[in-house]
N, C-alpha and C. Protein backbone atom coordinates (compact mmCIF):
# COMPACT_ATOMS: atom_id res chain seq x y z
N TRP A 1 17.29 -108.74 49.80
CA TRP A 1 18.69 -108.36 49.82
C TRP A 1 19.22 -108.42 51.26
N LYS A 2 18.54 -107.76 52.19
CA LYS A 2 19.01 -107.71 53.58
C LYS A 2 18.70 -108.98 54.36
N ASP A 3 17.64 -109.67 53.99
CA ASP A 3 17.21 -110.84 54.75
C ASP A 3 17.53 -112.16 54.07
N SER A 4 18.25 -112.12 52.97
CA SER A 4 18.55 -113.34 52.22
C SER A 4 19.62 -114.17 52.93
N ASP A 5 19.32 -115.43 53.19
CA ASP A 5 20.31 -116.33 53.80
C ASP A 5 21.54 -116.47 52.91
N ALA A 6 21.30 -116.56 51.61
CA ALA A 6 22.42 -116.71 50.67
C ALA A 6 23.35 -115.51 50.70
N PHE A 7 22.80 -114.31 50.69
CA PHE A 7 23.64 -113.11 50.74
C PHE A 7 24.29 -112.94 52.12
N ASN A 8 23.52 -113.15 53.16
CA ASN A 8 24.05 -112.96 54.51
C ASN A 8 25.17 -113.93 54.85
N ARG A 9 25.14 -115.09 54.26
CA ARG A 9 26.19 -116.08 54.51
C ARG A 9 27.57 -115.56 54.13
N PHE A 10 27.63 -114.70 53.11
CA PHE A 10 28.92 -114.21 52.61
C PHE A 10 29.22 -112.77 53.01
N ARG A 11 28.47 -112.24 53.96
CA ARG A 11 28.77 -110.89 54.47
C ARG A 11 29.83 -111.00 55.56
N GLY A 12 30.68 -109.98 55.64
CA GLY A 12 31.74 -110.00 56.64
C GLY A 12 32.91 -110.86 56.19
N PHE A 13 33.70 -111.32 57.15
CA PHE A 13 34.92 -112.06 56.81
C PHE A 13 34.98 -113.45 57.43
N ASP A 14 34.06 -113.77 58.32
CA ASP A 14 34.12 -115.05 59.03
C ASP A 14 33.96 -116.26 58.12
N TRP A 15 33.27 -116.12 57.00
CA TRP A 15 33.02 -117.24 56.10
C TRP A 15 34.26 -117.61 55.28
N MET A 16 35.23 -116.69 55.21
CA MET A 16 36.38 -116.87 54.31
C MET A 16 37.29 -118.01 54.74
N ARG A 17 37.72 -118.76 53.75
CA ARG A 17 38.72 -119.81 53.95
C ARG A 17 40.09 -119.23 53.58
N GLU A 18 41.12 -119.99 53.85
CA GLU A 18 42.44 -119.60 53.38
C GLU A 18 42.49 -119.83 51.87
N PRO A 19 43.18 -119.04 51.11
CA PRO A 19 44.10 -117.98 51.49
C PRO A 19 43.43 -116.62 51.74
N CYS A 20 42.13 -116.51 51.51
CA CYS A 20 41.44 -115.22 51.69
C CYS A 20 41.50 -114.72 53.13
N ARG A 21 41.30 -115.60 54.07
CA ARG A 21 41.20 -115.19 55.47
C ARG A 21 42.42 -114.39 55.93
N SER A 22 43.62 -114.78 55.51
CA SER A 22 44.83 -114.10 55.96
C SER A 22 45.41 -113.15 54.90
N CYS A 23 44.73 -113.00 53.79
CA CYS A 23 45.22 -112.14 52.71
C CYS A 23 45.06 -110.66 53.07
N PRO A 24 46.08 -109.84 52.84
CA PRO A 24 45.95 -108.42 53.15
C PRO A 24 44.96 -107.69 52.25
N GLU A 25 44.52 -108.30 51.17
CA GLU A 25 43.57 -107.67 50.23
C GLU A 25 42.11 -107.98 50.56
N HIS A 26 41.84 -108.85 51.52
CA HIS A 26 40.46 -109.31 51.72
C HIS A 26 39.50 -108.20 52.15
N GLU A 27 40.00 -107.13 52.73
CA GLU A 27 39.11 -106.01 53.08
C GLU A 27 38.80 -105.14 51.87
N LYS A 28 39.55 -105.31 50.79
CA LYS A 28 39.28 -104.58 49.54
C LYS A 28 38.43 -105.40 48.59
N ASP A 29 38.78 -106.68 48.43
CA ASP A 29 38.07 -107.49 47.43
C ASP A 29 37.01 -108.41 48.03
N PHE A 30 36.91 -108.46 49.37
CA PHE A 30 35.90 -109.26 50.07
C PHE A 30 35.92 -110.72 49.65
N GLY A 31 37.08 -111.21 49.27
CA GLY A 31 37.20 -112.62 48.89
C GLY A 31 36.86 -112.90 47.44
N GLY A 32 36.67 -111.88 46.65
CA GLY A 32 36.38 -112.08 45.24
C GLY A 32 34.91 -112.34 44.97
N CYS A 33 34.63 -112.84 43.81
CA CYS A 33 33.26 -113.04 43.35
C CYS A 33 32.76 -114.45 43.69
N ARG A 34 31.68 -114.51 44.45
CA ARG A 34 31.09 -115.81 44.84
C ARG A 34 30.51 -116.53 43.64
N CYS A 35 29.98 -115.78 42.68
CA CYS A 35 29.40 -116.41 41.48
C CYS A 35 30.49 -117.08 40.65
N GLN A 36 31.63 -116.40 40.49
CA GLN A 36 32.74 -117.00 39.75
C GLN A 36 33.28 -118.22 40.47
N ALA A 37 33.40 -118.12 41.80
CA ALA A 37 33.88 -119.26 42.57
C ALA A 37 32.96 -120.47 42.37
N TYR A 38 31.66 -120.23 42.45
CA TYR A 38 30.70 -121.32 42.27
C TYR A 38 30.75 -121.87 40.84
N MET A 39 30.74 -120.98 39.87
CA MET A 39 30.71 -121.41 38.48
C MET A 39 31.96 -122.22 38.10
N LEU A 40 33.12 -121.79 38.58
CA LEU A 40 34.36 -122.42 38.15
C LEU A 40 34.85 -123.54 39.05
N THR A 41 34.35 -123.61 40.31
CA THR A 41 34.81 -124.66 41.22
C THR A 41 33.69 -125.53 41.75
N GLY A 42 32.44 -125.05 41.60
CA GLY A 42 31.32 -125.81 42.12
C GLY A 42 31.00 -125.51 43.58
N ASN A 43 31.74 -124.56 44.18
CA ASN A 43 31.50 -124.23 45.59
C ASN A 43 31.71 -122.73 45.77
N ALA A 44 30.67 -122.03 46.15
CA ALA A 44 30.73 -120.58 46.32
C ALA A 44 31.66 -120.17 47.47
N CYS A 45 31.97 -121.08 48.37
CA CYS A 45 32.86 -120.77 49.50
C CYS A 45 34.34 -120.79 49.10
N ASN A 46 34.66 -121.36 47.97
CA ASN A 46 36.05 -121.42 47.53
C ASN A 46 36.57 -120.04 47.17
N THR A 47 37.88 -119.90 47.22
CA THR A 47 38.52 -118.66 46.80
C THR A 47 38.20 -118.43 45.33
N ASP A 48 37.92 -117.20 44.96
CA ASP A 48 37.65 -116.84 43.57
C ASP A 48 38.84 -117.29 42.72
N PRO A 49 38.64 -118.17 41.74
CA PRO A 49 39.73 -118.68 40.92
C PRO A 49 40.47 -117.61 40.11
N VAL A 50 39.90 -116.44 39.95
CA VAL A 50 40.60 -115.38 39.24
C VAL A 50 41.81 -114.90 40.05
N CYS A 51 41.75 -115.03 41.36
CA CYS A 51 42.86 -114.63 42.22
C CYS A 51 44.04 -115.59 42.02
N SER A 52 45.23 -115.01 41.88
CA SER A 52 46.42 -115.84 41.67
C SER A 52 46.77 -116.69 42.89
N LEU A 53 46.22 -116.37 44.06
CA LEU A 53 46.47 -117.16 45.27
C LEU A 53 45.51 -118.34 45.41
N SER A 54 44.49 -118.38 44.58
CA SER A 54 43.49 -119.44 44.67
C SER A 54 44.09 -120.79 44.27
N PRO A 55 43.77 -121.86 45.02
CA PRO A 55 44.21 -123.19 44.62
C PRO A 55 43.55 -123.66 43.32
N HIS A 56 42.55 -122.92 42.86
CA HIS A 56 41.85 -123.26 41.61
C HIS A 56 42.20 -122.31 40.47
N HIS A 57 43.24 -121.52 40.63
CA HIS A 57 43.61 -120.52 39.62
C HIS A 57 43.94 -121.18 38.27
N ASP A 58 44.38 -122.43 38.29
CA ASP A 58 44.70 -123.13 37.04
C ASP A 58 43.50 -123.23 36.10
N VAL A 59 42.29 -123.23 36.65
CA VAL A 59 41.08 -123.26 35.82
C VAL A 59 41.02 -122.00 34.94
N VAL A 60 41.36 -120.87 35.53
CA VAL A 60 41.33 -119.60 34.80
C VAL A 60 42.47 -119.53 33.79
N THR A 61 43.67 -119.93 34.19
CA THR A 61 44.80 -119.86 33.26
C THR A 61 44.59 -120.81 32.08
N ALA A 62 43.99 -121.97 32.33
CA ALA A 62 43.68 -122.91 31.24
C ALA A 62 42.65 -122.31 30.28
N ALA A 63 41.64 -121.63 30.81
CA ALA A 63 40.63 -121.00 29.96
C ALA A 63 41.24 -119.89 29.12
N ILE A 64 42.16 -119.14 29.71
CA ILE A 64 42.83 -118.07 28.96
C ILE A 64 43.66 -118.66 27.83
N THR A 65 44.39 -119.73 28.13
CA THR A 65 45.21 -120.39 27.11
C THR A 65 44.34 -120.94 25.99
N THR A 66 43.26 -121.60 26.35
CA THR A 66 42.34 -122.15 25.35
C THR A 66 41.72 -121.03 24.52
N GLY A 67 41.31 -119.97 25.18
CA GLY A 67 40.71 -118.84 24.48
C GLY A 67 41.67 -118.18 23.52
N ALA A 68 42.94 -118.08 23.91
CA ALA A 68 43.94 -117.47 23.04
C ALA A 68 44.18 -118.34 21.80
N ALA A 69 44.11 -119.66 21.99
CA ALA A 69 44.31 -120.58 20.86
C ALA A 69 43.14 -120.55 19.90
N ASP A 70 41.93 -120.29 20.42
CA ASP A 70 40.72 -120.27 19.60
C ASP A 70 40.36 -118.86 19.14
N ARG A 71 41.30 -118.00 19.10
CA ARG A 71 41.06 -116.59 18.78
C ARG A 71 40.36 -116.44 17.42
N VAL A 72 39.43 -115.55 17.35
CA VAL A 72 38.68 -115.30 16.12
C VAL A 72 39.30 -114.10 15.39
N ASP A 73 39.28 -114.16 14.09
CA ASP A 73 39.86 -113.09 13.29
C ASP A 73 38.99 -111.85 13.25
N GLU A 74 37.69 -112.05 13.32
CA GLU A 74 36.78 -110.91 13.21
C GLU A 74 35.58 -111.10 14.11
N LEU A 75 34.97 -110.02 14.49
CA LEU A 75 33.74 -110.09 15.27
C LEU A 75 32.55 -110.28 14.34
N VAL A 76 31.59 -111.04 14.77
CA VAL A 76 30.35 -111.21 14.03
C VAL A 76 29.25 -110.62 14.90
N PHE A 77 28.68 -109.53 14.46
CA PHE A 77 27.63 -108.87 15.24
C PHE A 77 26.32 -109.60 15.07
N ARG A 78 25.58 -109.67 16.16
CA ARG A 78 24.33 -110.39 16.16
C ARG A 78 23.21 -109.55 15.54
N ASN A 79 22.54 -110.15 14.59
CA ASN A 79 21.33 -109.61 14.00
C ASN A 79 20.56 -110.84 13.51
N PRO A 80 19.33 -110.71 13.05
CA PRO A 80 18.57 -111.91 12.66
C PRO A 80 19.28 -112.77 11.61
N ARG A 81 19.89 -112.14 10.63
CA ARG A 81 20.56 -112.90 9.57
C ARG A 81 21.77 -113.66 10.12
N ASN A 82 22.63 -112.97 10.87
CA ASN A 82 23.82 -113.63 11.41
C ASN A 82 23.46 -114.69 12.45
N SER A 83 22.41 -114.45 13.23
CA SER A 83 22.00 -115.43 14.23
C SER A 83 21.64 -116.75 13.57
N LYS A 84 20.91 -116.69 12.46
CA LYS A 84 20.54 -117.92 11.75
C LYS A 84 21.77 -118.59 11.16
N ARG A 85 22.67 -117.80 10.64
CA ARG A 85 23.89 -118.37 10.08
C ARG A 85 24.76 -119.00 11.16
N LEU A 86 24.89 -118.33 12.30
CA LEU A 86 25.68 -118.88 13.40
C LEU A 86 25.07 -120.15 13.95
N ALA A 87 23.74 -120.23 13.90
CA ALA A 87 23.03 -121.42 14.38
C ALA A 87 23.00 -122.52 13.32
N GLY A 88 23.51 -122.24 12.13
CA GLY A 88 23.53 -123.25 11.07
C GLY A 88 22.23 -123.39 10.33
N ARG A 89 21.49 -122.29 10.19
CA ARG A 89 20.22 -122.33 9.46
C ARG A 89 20.17 -121.22 8.43
N SER A 90 19.53 -121.51 7.33
CA SER A 90 19.37 -120.50 6.28
C SER A 90 18.22 -119.57 6.64
N ARG A 91 17.98 -118.58 5.80
CA ARG A 91 16.90 -117.63 6.07
C ARG A 91 15.54 -118.29 6.17
N ASP A 92 15.34 -119.35 5.39
CA ASP A 92 14.04 -120.02 5.42
C ASP A 92 13.98 -121.15 6.46
N GLY A 93 15.02 -121.27 7.31
CA GLY A 93 15.00 -122.27 8.37
C GLY A 93 15.67 -123.58 8.02
N GLU A 94 16.10 -123.73 6.77
CA GLU A 94 16.76 -124.97 6.34
C GLU A 94 18.10 -125.11 7.06
N ILE A 95 18.42 -126.33 7.51
CA ILE A 95 19.68 -126.58 8.22
C ILE A 95 20.83 -126.58 7.22
N ILE A 96 21.86 -125.84 7.58
CA ILE A 96 23.06 -125.75 6.74
C ILE A 96 24.16 -126.57 7.39
N ALA A 97 24.71 -127.52 6.70
CA ALA A 97 25.75 -128.38 7.26
C ALA A 97 27.04 -128.26 6.45
N THR A 98 27.53 -127.06 6.29
CA THR A 98 28.73 -126.88 5.49
C THR A 98 30.00 -126.94 6.33
N GLY A 99 29.89 -126.56 7.62
CA GLY A 99 31.07 -126.56 8.47
C GLY A 99 32.05 -125.44 8.19
N ARG A 100 31.68 -124.49 7.33
CA ARG A 100 32.59 -123.39 7.04
C ARG A 100 32.15 -122.13 7.75
N ARG A 101 33.09 -121.21 7.94
CA ARG A 101 32.75 -119.95 8.58
C ARG A 101 32.06 -119.05 7.59
N TRP A 102 31.09 -118.31 8.07
CA TRP A 102 30.37 -117.37 7.23
C TRP A 102 31.14 -116.06 7.14
N GLN A 103 31.14 -115.48 6.00
CA GLN A 103 31.83 -114.20 5.80
C GLN A 103 30.86 -113.06 5.94
């Protein structure tokens, strides 16, 4: 934790690019989440796309729009039976190719 090059690289404020570097919130949010920045932009040094000031914020707004369009009517809780159904397999392992939602 203390000696990790990866962690130490993002400690402090010198690593920050704009808009984080001049943002009045950077002492509170420390530039956002490096994991989210890496996952959504491919570069951990980029501004966290969740921030509305990020040049990559459109990635997040697009995901929200897509998620809202694909909204599910009900939650399906995971258990052995539902896991097999969600994976498209019957209880005995047979592949189910019906394409319909399970109730």
